[in-house]
């Protein structure tokens, strides 16, 4: 298991994206987050191809907070089946990764 993760979650509006990222960072479940968008997503949903404008949230967290972050985003998300994908960070600037660990410590 990696020590750090980048988690992507899409949101149906800019407001929802801001709400989700604010929730994650304020609870120290993520050290930081960026919002990109709007983006256009094409996907299968209930037997049909859908096309939607969405906002991509990119959050960075420590392995210790990953499961809590996923649960919090799932509970706060407006979608029935939100896209929540975590990718391990295999390498990066040592000072940045240390900062990421420090900022996601439960005692903050």
Protein backbone atom coordinates (compact mmCIF):
# COMPACT_ATOMS: atom_id res chain seq x y z
CA UNK A 1 0.00 0.00 0.00
CA UNK A 2 1.25 3.47 -0.88
CA UNK A 3 1.70 6.20 1.74
CA UNK A 4 -0.18 8.85 -0.26
CA UNK A 5 -3.06 8.94 -2.74
CA UNK A 6 -4.59 11.23 -5.31
CA UNK A 7 -8.34 10.85 -5.32
CA UNK A 8 -10.60 12.00 -8.15
CA UNK A 9 -14.30 12.63 -7.74
CA UNK A 10 -16.63 14.26 -10.23
CA UNK A 11 -19.47 16.59 -9.25
CA UNK A 12 -22.57 17.66 -11.17
CA UNK A 13 -22.04 21.37 -10.46
CA UNK A 14 -19.31 23.78 -9.49
CA UNK A 15 -21.14 24.42 -6.22
CA UNK A 16 -21.15 20.72 -5.36
CA UNK A 17 -17.45 20.44 -6.25
CA UNK A 18 -16.65 23.34 -3.91
CA UNK A 19 -18.77 21.82 -1.16
CA UNK A 20 -17.08 18.41 -1.47
CA UNK A 21 -13.54 19.81 -1.52
CA UNK A 22 -14.26 22.19 1.39
CA UNK A 23 -15.66 19.28 3.40
CA UNK A 24 -12.62 17.10 2.74
CA UNK A 25 -10.01 19.76 3.49
CA UNK A 26 -11.78 21.25 6.51
CA UNK A 27 -11.99 17.79 8.12
CA UNK A 28 -8.31 17.15 7.26
CA UNK A 29 -9.29 14.15 5.17
CA UNK A 30 -7.38 15.78 2.30
CA UNK A 31 -4.45 18.20 2.51
CA UNK A 32 -5.54 20.07 -0.60
CA UNK A 33 -7.91 19.89 -3.55
CA UNK A 34 -8.27 21.40 -6.97
CA UNK A 35 -11.38 21.76 -9.09
CA UNK A 36 -11.23 21.52 -12.88
CA UNK A 37 -14.15 22.22 -15.14
CA UNK A 38 -16.47 22.15 -16.54
CA UNK A 39 -15.50 18.93 -18.26
CA UNK A 40 -17.70 16.86 -20.53
CA UNK A 41 -18.26 13.27 -19.45
CA UNK A 42 -19.66 10.48 -21.60
CA UNK A 43 -20.68 7.31 -19.78
CA UNK A 44 -23.08 4.39 -19.62
CA UNK A 45 -25.89 4.74 -17.08
CA UNK A 46 -28.81 2.35 -16.83
CA UNK A 47 -28.46 1.02 -20.35
CA UNK A 48 -28.00 4.41 -22.07
CA UNK A 49 -25.09 6.57 -23.03
CA UNK A 50 -25.20 9.84 -21.09
CA UNK A 51 -23.42 13.12 -21.82
CA UNK A 52 -23.01 15.58 -18.94
CA UNK A 53 -21.05 18.61 -17.83
CA UNK A 54 -19.21 17.87 -14.62
CA UNK A 55 -16.47 19.29 -12.43
CA UNK A 56 -13.44 17.17 -11.55
CA UNK A 57 -12.14 17.39 -7.99
CA UNK A 58 -8.58 16.21 -7.41
CA UNK A 59 -7.72 15.64 -3.75
CA UNK A 60 -4.47 14.54 -2.13
CA UNK A 61 -4.47 12.50 1.06
CA UNK A 62 -2.45 10.10 3.17
CA UNK A 63 -3.10 6.37 3.21
CA UNK A 64 -4.25 6.71 6.82
CA UNK A 65 -7.16 8.99 5.80
CA UNK A 66 -8.11 7.42 2.46
CA UNK A 67 -10.97 5.22 3.66
CA UNK A 68 -12.48 8.04 5.74
CA UNK A 69 -12.24 10.40 2.76
CA UNK A 70 -14.04 7.95 0.49
CA UNK A 71 -16.83 7.46 3.04
CA UNK A 72 -17.25 11.21 3.60
CA UNK A 73 -17.40 11.97 -0.13
CA UNK A 74 -19.84 9.12 -0.75
CA UNK A 75 -22.17 10.35 1.99
CA UNK A 76 -22.02 14.00 0.88
CA UNK A 77 -22.32 13.35 -2.87
CA UNK A 78 -25.55 13.97 -4.76
CA UNK A 79 -25.09 11.05 -7.17
CA UNK A 80 -26.36 7.54 -6.56
CA UNK A 81 -23.05 6.08 -7.75
CA UNK A 82 -20.40 8.81 -7.68
CA UNK A 83 -17.10 8.42 -9.46
CA UNK A 84 -14.56 8.12 -6.66
CA UNK A 85 -11.18 6.77 -7.74
CA UNK A 86 -7.96 6.73 -5.72
CA UNK A 87 -4.58 6.32 -7.36
CA UNK A 88 -1.41 5.72 -5.34
CA UNK A 89 1.24 8.43 -5.47
CA UNK A 90 4.38 6.43 -6.16
CA UNK A 91 6.84 9.33 -6.01
CA UNK A 92 6.96 13.06 -5.46
CA UNK A 93 8.78 15.89 -3.79
CA UNK A 94 9.74 14.70 -0.30
CA UNK A 95 8.84 18.00 1.35
CA UNK A 96 5.43 18.07 -0.33
CA UNK A 97 4.65 14.50 0.69
CA UNK A 98 5.73 15.23 4.27
CA UNK A 99 3.44 18.28 4.27
CA UNK A 100 0.59 16.12 2.93
CA UNK A 101 1.08 13.65 5.78
CA UNK A 102 1.24 16.42 8.38
CA UNK A 103 -1.89 18.21 7.14
CA UNK A 104 -3.99 15.04 7.12
CA UNK A 105 -2.99 13.94 10.61
CA UNK A 106 -6.18 13.46 12.66
CA UNK A 107 -4.95 15.82 15.38
CA UNK A 108 -4.03 18.42 12.72
